[in-house]
C-alpha atoms as a PDB file:
ATOM      1  CA  UNK A   1     -18.162   6.817  11.177  1.00  0.00           C
ATOM      2  CA  UNK A   2     -19.446   7.537   7.720  1.00  0.00           C
ATOM      3  CA  UNK A   3     -20.302   4.659   5.465  1.00  0.00           C
ATOM      4  CA  UNK A   4     -18.692   4.755   2.050  1.00  0.00           C
ATOM      5  CA  UNK A   5     -21.121   4.752  -0.885  1.00  0.00           C
ATOM      6  CA  UNK A   6     -19.734   4.464  -4.487  1.00  0.00           C
ATOM      7  CA  UNK A   7     -21.739   4.963  -7.502  1.00  0.00           C
ATOM      8  CA  UNK A   8     -20.379   3.837 -10.956  1.00  0.00           C
ATOM      9  CA  UNK A   9     -22.242   5.116 -13.937  1.00  0.00           C
ATOM     10  CA  UNK A  10     -20.917   6.354 -17.172  1.00  0.00           C
ATOM     11  CA  UNK A  11     -23.371   9.222 -17.134  1.00  0.00           C
ATOM     12  CA  UNK A  12     -22.099  12.265 -15.385  1.00  0.00           C
ATOM     13  CA  UNK A  13     -25.753  13.438 -15.160  1.00  0.00           C
ATOM     14  CA  UNK A  14     -26.753  10.377 -13.254  1.00  0.00           C
ATOM     15  CA  UNK A  15     -23.867  10.689 -10.870  1.00  0.00           C
ATOM     16  CA  UNK A  16     -24.718  14.366 -10.282  1.00  0.00           C
ATOM     17  CA  UNK A  17     -28.348  13.595  -9.639  1.00  0.00           C
ATOM     18  CA  UNK A  18     -27.556  10.774  -7.163  1.00  0.00           C
ATOM     19  CA  UNK A  19     -24.988  13.159  -5.353  1.00  0.00           C
ATOM     20  CA  UNK A  20     -27.737  15.796  -5.105  1.00  0.00           C
ATOM     21  CA  UNK A  21     -30.266  13.285  -3.822  1.00  0.00           C
ATOM     22  CA  UNK A  22     -27.912  12.178  -1.149  1.00  0.00           C
ATOM     23  CA  UNK A  23     -26.781  15.702  -0.193  1.00  0.00           C
ATOM     24  CA  UNK A  24     -28.324  15.589   3.274  1.00  0.00           C
ATOM     25  CA  UNK A  25     -26.766  12.271   4.057  1.00  0.00           C
ATOM     26  CA  UNK A  26     -23.362  13.452   2.976  1.00  0.00           C
ATOM     27  CA  UNK A  27     -23.553  16.803   4.791  1.00  0.00           C
ATOM     28  CA  UNK A  28     -24.650  15.028   8.034  1.00  0.00           C
ATOM     29  CA  UNK A  29     -21.718  12.707   7.825  1.00  0.00           C
ATOM     30  CA  UNK A  30     -23.840   9.527   7.554  1.00  0.00           C
ATOM     31  CA  UNK A  31     -22.151   8.673   4.241  1.00  0.00           C
ATOM     32  CA  UNK A  32     -19.136   9.468   2.186  1.00  0.00           C
ATOM     33  CA  UNK A  33     -19.998   9.607  -1.466  1.00  0.00           C
ATOM     34  CA  UNK A  34     -17.539   8.610  -4.190  1.00  0.00           C
ATOM     35  CA  UNK A  35     -18.180   8.159  -7.944  1.00  0.00           C
ATOM     36  CA  UNK A  36     -16.651   6.539 -10.835  1.00  0.00           C
ATOM     37  CA  UNK A  37     -17.552   7.094 -14.505  1.00  0.00           C
ATOM     38  CA  UNK A  38     -15.344   4.104 -15.699  1.00  0.00           C
ATOM     39  CA  UNK A  39     -16.111   0.678 -14.103  1.00  0.00           C
ATOM     40  CA  UNK A  40     -12.676  -0.653 -14.970  1.00  0.00           C
ATOM     41  CA  UNK A  41     -11.095   2.122 -12.865  1.00  0.00           C
ATOM     42  CA  UNK A  42     -13.236   1.203  -9.962  1.00  0.00           C
ATOM     43  CA  UNK A  43     -12.373  -2.483 -10.291  1.00  0.00           C
ATOM     44  CA  UNK A  44      -8.658  -1.727 -10.420  1.00  0.00           C
ATOM     45  CA  UNK A  45      -8.871   0.435  -7.382  1.00  0.00           C
ATOM     46  CA  UNK A  46     -10.789  -2.317  -5.515  1.00  0.00           C
ATOM     47  CA  UNK A  47      -8.396  -5.041  -6.664  1.00  0.00           C
ATOM     48  CA  UNK A  48      -5.271  -3.171  -5.552  1.00  0.00           C
ATOM     49  CA  UNK A  49      -7.145  -2.230  -2.344  1.00  0.00           C
ATOM     50  CA  UNK A  50      -6.718   1.613  -2.800  1.00  0.00           C
ATOM     51  CA  UNK A  51     -10.495   1.849  -2.664  1.00  0.00           C
ATOM     52  CA  UNK A  52     -13.184   0.219  -0.367  1.00  0.00           C
ATOM     53  CA  UNK A  53     -16.990   0.593  -0.084  1.00  0.00           C
ATOM     54  CA  UNK A  54     -19.765  -0.192   2.320  1.00  0.00           C
ATOM     55  CA  UNK A  55     -22.365   0.049  -0.578  1.00  0.00           C
ATOM     56  CA  UNK A  56     -21.902  -0.048  -4.357  1.00  0.00           C
ATOM     57  CA  UNK A  57     -24.447   1.367  -6.674  1.00  0.00           C
ATOM     58  CA  UNK A  58     -23.845   0.487 -10.345  1.00  0.00           C
ATOM     59  CA  UNK A  59     -25.401   1.007 -13.734  1.00  0.00           C
ATOM     60  CA  UNK A  60     -25.541  -1.950 -16.041  1.00  0.00           C
ATOM     61  CA  UNK A  61     -25.060  -0.463 -19.519  1.00  0.00           C
ATOM     62  CA  UNK A  62     -21.517   0.876 -19.537  1.00  0.00           C
ATOM     63  CA  UNK A  63     -18.703   0.675 -21.969  1.00  0.00           C
ATOM     64  CA  UNK A  64     -15.894  -1.856 -21.553  1.00  0.00           C
ATOM     65  CA  UNK A  65     -17.543  -3.900 -18.783  1.00  0.00           C
ATOM     66  CA  UNK A  66     -21.189  -3.937 -17.832  1.00  0.00           C
ATOM     67  CA  UNK A  67     -22.400  -3.575 -14.261  1.00  0.00           C
ATOM     68  CA  UNK A  68     -23.334  -7.303 -13.849  1.00  0.00           C
ATOM     69  CA  UNK A  69     -19.754  -8.247 -15.099  1.00  0.00           C
ATOM     70  CA  UNK A  70     -18.463  -5.746 -12.589  1.00  0.00           C
ATOM     71  CA  UNK A  71     -20.537  -7.116  -9.684  1.00  0.00           C
ATOM     72  CA  UNK A  72     -19.453 -10.706 -10.623  1.00  0.00           C
ATOM     73  CA  UNK A  73     -15.822  -9.626 -10.522  1.00  0.00           C
ATOM     74  CA  UNK A  74     -16.284  -7.770  -7.174  1.00  0.00           C
ATOM     75  CA  UNK A  75     -18.103 -10.581  -5.488  1.00  0.00           C
ATOM     76  CA  UNK A  76     -15.495 -13.099  -6.569  1.00  0.00           C
ATOM     77  CA  UNK A  77     -13.114 -11.292  -4.248  1.00  0.00           C
ATOM     78  CA  UNK A  78     -13.397 -12.600  -0.635  1.00  0.00           C
ATOM     79  CA  UNK A  79     -12.873  -9.050   0.634  1.00  0.00           C
ATOM     80  CA  UNK A  80     -16.157  -7.854  -1.139  1.00  0.00           C
ATOM     81  CA  UNK A  81     -18.233 -11.053  -1.239  1.00  0.00           C
ATOM     82  CA  UNK A  82     -20.658  -9.876   1.471  1.00  0.00           C
ATOM     83  CA  UNK A  83     -20.796  -6.163   0.470  1.00  0.00           C
ATOM     84  CA  UNK A  84     -24.080  -4.866  -0.849  1.00  0.00           C
ATOM     85  CA  UNK A  85     -24.458  -3.882  -4.440  1.00  0.00           C
ATOM     86  CA  UNK A  86     -27.580  -2.081  -5.842  1.00  0.00           C
ATOM     87  CA  UNK A  87     -28.225  -2.057  -9.480  1.00  0.00           C
ATOM     88  CA  UNK A  88     -29.451   1.345 -10.846  1.00  0.00           C
ATOM     89  CA  UNK A  89     -30.367   0.891 -14.504  1.00  0.00           C
ATOM     90  CA  UNK A  90     -32.990   1.305 -17.154  1.00  0.00           C
ATOM     91  CA  UNK A  91     -33.068  -2.579 -17.591  1.00  0.00           C
ATOM     92  CA  UNK A  92     -36.018  -4.197 -15.836  1.00  0.00           C
ATOM     93  CA  UNK A  93     -36.475  -7.601 -17.449  1.00  0.00           C
ATOM     94  CA  UNK A  94     -36.896 -10.589 -15.209  1.00  0.00           C
ATOM     95  CA  UNK A  95     -34.166 -12.367 -16.970  1.00  0.00           C
ATOM     96  CA  UNK A  96     -31.510  -9.629 -16.233  1.00  0.00           C
ATOM     97  CA  UNK A  97     -32.807  -9.326 -12.602  1.00  0.00           C
ATOM     98  CA  UNK A  98     -32.385 -13.010 -12.034  1.00  0.00           C
ATOM     99  CA  UNK A  99     -28.876 -12.888 -13.458  1.00  0.00           C
ATOM    100  CA  UNK A 100     -28.115 -10.159 -10.959  1.00  0.00           C
ATOM    101  CA  UNK A 101     -29.647 -12.165  -8.127  1.00  0.00           C
ATOM    102  CA  UNK A 102     -27.481 -15.203  -8.936  1.00  0.00           C
ATOM    103  CA  UNK A 103     -24.405 -12.903  -8.904  1.00  0.00           C
ATOM    104  CA  UNK A 104     -25.390 -11.743  -5.414  1.00  0.00           C
ATOM    105  CA  UNK A 105     -26.819  -8.241  -6.251  1.00  0.00           C
ATOM    106  CA  UNK A 106     -28.568  -6.908  -3.122  1.00  0.00           C
ATOM    107  CA  UNK A 107     -31.230  -4.687  -4.891  1.00  0.00           C
ATOM    108  CA  UNK A 108     -32.580  -3.237  -8.182  1.00  0.00           C
ATOM    109  CA  UNK A 109     -33.660   0.192  -8.910  1.00  0.00           C
ATOM    110  CA  UNK A 110     -34.979   1.446 -12.283  1.00  0.00           C
ATOM    111  CA  UNK A 111     -33.982   4.669 -13.834  1.00  0.00           C
ATOM    112  CA  UNK A 112     -35.288   7.336 -13.663  1.00  0.00           C
ATOM    113  CA  UNK A 113     -35.191   7.032  -9.859  1.00  0.00           C
ATOM    114  CA  UNK A 114     -36.759   9.328  -7.253  1.00  0.00           C
ATOM    115  CA  UNK A 115     -34.512  10.918  -4.614  1.00  0.00           C
ATOM    116  CA  UNK A 116     -36.681   9.556  -1.864  1.00  0.00           C
ATOM    117  CA  UNK A 117     -36.440   5.991  -3.162  1.00  0.00           C
ATOM    118  CA  UNK A 118     -32.664   6.312  -3.455  1.00  0.00           C
ATOM    119  CA  UNK A 119     -32.233   7.590  -0.025  1.00  0.00           C
ATOM    120  CA  UNK A 120     -34.651   5.079   1.499  1.00  0.00           C
ATOM    121  CA  UNK A 121     -32.794   2.226  -0.193  1.00  0.00           C
ATOM    122  CA  UNK A 122     -29.396   3.428   1.062  1.00  0.00           C
ATOM    123  CA  UNK A 123     -30.680   3.823   4.533  1.00  0.00           C
ATOM    124  CA  UNK A 124     -32.223   0.389   4.556  1.00  0.00           C
ATOM    125  CA  UNK A 125     -29.202  -1.415   3.203  1.00  0.00           C
ATOM    126  CA  UNK A 126     -26.713   0.448   5.385  1.00  0.00           C
ATOM    127  CA  UNK A 127     -28.838   0.727   8.486  1.00  0.00           C
ATOM    128  CA  UNK A 128     -28.105   4.420   8.845  1.00  0.00           C
END
């Protein structure tokens, strides 16, 4: 059964690049790819249980709520406490990485990302 990978990023270009990078995994049925441009819509869908994921990939710098706030809100829900979250961002300071680690973020990837690195990270985290 396909694993559900959700990316949340306010940039349509980043979402499109990620989807293109994961095209083979999507076509093979290894993953189901979903995307959100608005983190609050994702949070709402998760809270009302109309959405679920096996891996969340999130930007940090987004309007309304940033990626670390999103991760903290998701991790506070027992249903998602153990679900992996990879941060995909331009932010690379040790302080912000430590904040992510304290929240329970699984991994960190700095933009611009390579297709190979994204695919490898997803395969490693999901074991597919």
